[in-house]
Protein backbone atom coordinates (compact mmCIF):
# COMPACT_ATOMS: atom_id res chain seq x y z
CA MET A 1 48.04 179.16 120.27
CA GLY A 2 50.18 180.52 118.53
CA LYS A 3 53.34 179.71 116.14
CA PRO A 4 55.76 177.14 117.44
CA SER A 5 58.95 178.48 118.54
CA LYS A 6 62.38 176.95 116.55
CA ALA A 7 63.27 175.45 120.13
CA ASP A 8 59.50 173.70 120.05
CA THR A 9 60.24 172.47 116.37
CA LYS A 10 63.67 171.15 117.50
CA PHE A 11 62.53 169.38 120.21
CA LEU A 12 59.39 168.00 118.06
CA THR A 13 61.54 166.82 115.65
CA LEU A 14 64.19 165.15 117.71
CA PHE A 15 61.46 163.47 119.54
CA PHE A 16 60.17 162.31 116.41
CA ILE A 17 63.69 161.17 115.41
CA PHE A 18 64.43 159.29 118.85
CA LYS A 19 61.17 157.72 118.75
CA LYS A 20 61.49 156.54 114.97
CA PHE A 21 64.82 154.90 116.17
CA ASP A 22 63.41 153.18 119.37
CA LYS A 23 61.33 151.53 116.82
CA LYS A 24 63.77 150.75 114.29
CA LEU A 25 65.99 149.52 117.57
CA GLN A 26 62.89 147.25 118.49
CA PHE A 27 62.83 145.64 115.11
CA TYR A 28 65.92 144.75 114.78
CA THR A 29 66.34 143.31 118.38
CA LYS A 30 62.87 141.15 116.93
CA VAL A 31 64.93 139.85 113.93
CA LYS A 32 68.44 139.25 116.02
CA ASP A 33 66.38 137.00 118.45
CA THR A 34 64.36 135.42 115.44
CA ILE A 35 67.83 134.80 113.41
CA THR A 36 69.08 132.81 116.66
CA SER A 37 66.27 131.13 117.08
CA LEU A 38 65.70 129.90 113.32
CA SER A 39 69.88 128.87 113.65
CA VAL A 40 69.12 127.02 116.59
CA GLN A 41 66.32 124.77 115.14
CA LYS A 42 68.86 124.36 112.05
CA GLU A 43 71.39 123.15 113.83
CA ILE A 44 69.00 120.39 115.56
CA GLY A 45 67.69 119.65 111.99
CA LYS A 46 71.47 118.84 110.63
CA LYS A 47 72.14 117.08 113.67
CA SER A 48 69.44 114.46 113.04
CA ALA A 49 69.39 114.56 109.30
CA LEU A 50 71.34 111.84 107.68
CA PRO A 51 73.99 112.63 105.29
CA ALA A 52 73.16 112.89 101.49
CA PRO A 53 74.42 110.29 99.64
CA GLU A 54 77.21 110.77 96.97
CA LEU A 55 76.04 109.80 93.89
CA LYS A 56 79.43 110.26 91.76
CA MET A 57 81.30 107.49 91.52
CA ASN A 58 84.72 106.86 91.27
CA CYS A 59 86.99 103.47 90.78
CA LYS A 60 87.61 102.86 94.52
CA ARG A 61 83.98 103.19 95.49
CA ARG A 62 83.33 100.82 92.11
CA GLN A 63 85.32 98.46 93.70
CA LYS A 64 84.51 98.16 96.87
CA LEU A 65 80.53 97.72 95.37
CA VAL A 66 81.80 94.99 93.50
CA LEU A 67 83.20 93.07 96.64
CA THR A 68 80.45 93.62 98.74
CA GLU A 69 77.50 92.79 95.75
CA GLY A 70 79.98 89.63 95.44
CA GLU A 71 79.70 88.98 98.98
CA ARG A 72 75.89 89.04 99.06
CA LEU A 73 75.52 87.15 95.81
CA ASN A 74 77.92 84.20 97.24
CA LYS A 75 75.36 84.33 100.41
CA VAL A 76 72.37 83.91 98.48
CA LEU A 77 73.73 81.35 96.43
CA ASP A 78 74.84 79.46 99.10
CA HIS A 79 71.51 79.86 101.38
CA PRO A 80 69.77 76.52 101.47
CA ALA A 81 66.39 78.04 101.03
CA PHE A 82 67.31 79.34 97.48
CA GLN A 83 69.52 76.04 96.89
CA ALA A 84 65.44 74.17 97.39
CA ASP A 85 63.82 76.44 95.55
CA PRO A 86 65.49 79.53 94.16
CA ILE A 87 62.40 80.77 91.93
CA GLY A 88 60.46 80.35 95.25
CA SER A 89 62.81 82.22 97.46
CA ILE A 90 63.08 85.08 95.34
CA PHE A 91 59.06 85.24 95.13
CA GLN A 92 59.32 85.40 98.84
CA HIS A 93 61.56 88.08 99.33
CA LEU A 94 59.87 90.41 96.66
CA GLN A 95 56.96 89.98 98.89
CA SER A 96 58.32 90.68 102.14
CA GLN A 97 59.92 94.06 100.72
CA GLN A 98 56.75 95.18 99.12
CA PRO A 99 55.10 97.88 101.44
CA PRO A 100 51.25 96.31 102.65
CA GLU A 101 48.09 97.59 100.34
CA GLU A 102 45.94 99.77 102.09
CA GLU A 103 42.34 98.82 102.03
CA ASN A 104 39.90 100.83 100.85
CA PRO A 105 36.40 101.89 102.69
CA LYS A 106 33.67 100.27 101.01
CA LYS A 107 31.17 102.94 99.75
CA LYS A 108 28.37 103.83 101.92
CA THR A 109 24.96 102.56 100.73
CA ASN A 110 21.20 103.34 101.75
CA THR A 111 19.30 101.47 104.26
CA ASN A 112 17.92 99.53 102.12
CA GLY A 113 21.04 98.69 99.99
CA SER A 114 20.32 100.58 96.80
CA LYS A 115 22.79 103.05 95.42
CA LYS A 116 22.01 106.55 95.60
CA ARG A 117 21.40 107.96 92.07
CA ASN A 118 22.17 111.67 91.24
CA LYS A 119 18.48 113.02 90.14
CA LYS A 120 19.08 115.11 86.72
CA LYS A 121 17.64 118.42 86.72
């Protein structure tokens, strides 16, 4: 075993350069595959998502809103249940719009019915 020749060192350096290049190429192909899969998922998400409501109110939208809400108010005022008992129908509407209340589970008690007590040290 002697000192490696110039040809051997050039070969080794070229070998390591190609090995490094191959690793970079594999990494970039993985990145490319990941990006394409994420873009496909993003497109699927966009199709199913609802468009965001526009918060800016201009004159045309305000007029349209006033007309639709006025029609809704007239329908409510003409409804026979509202004419019979206005406060009761409003209360019933509010009750139906509330989410159902969640029942809290009861705390477990000992078999003899007494509560557990924390022991002081």
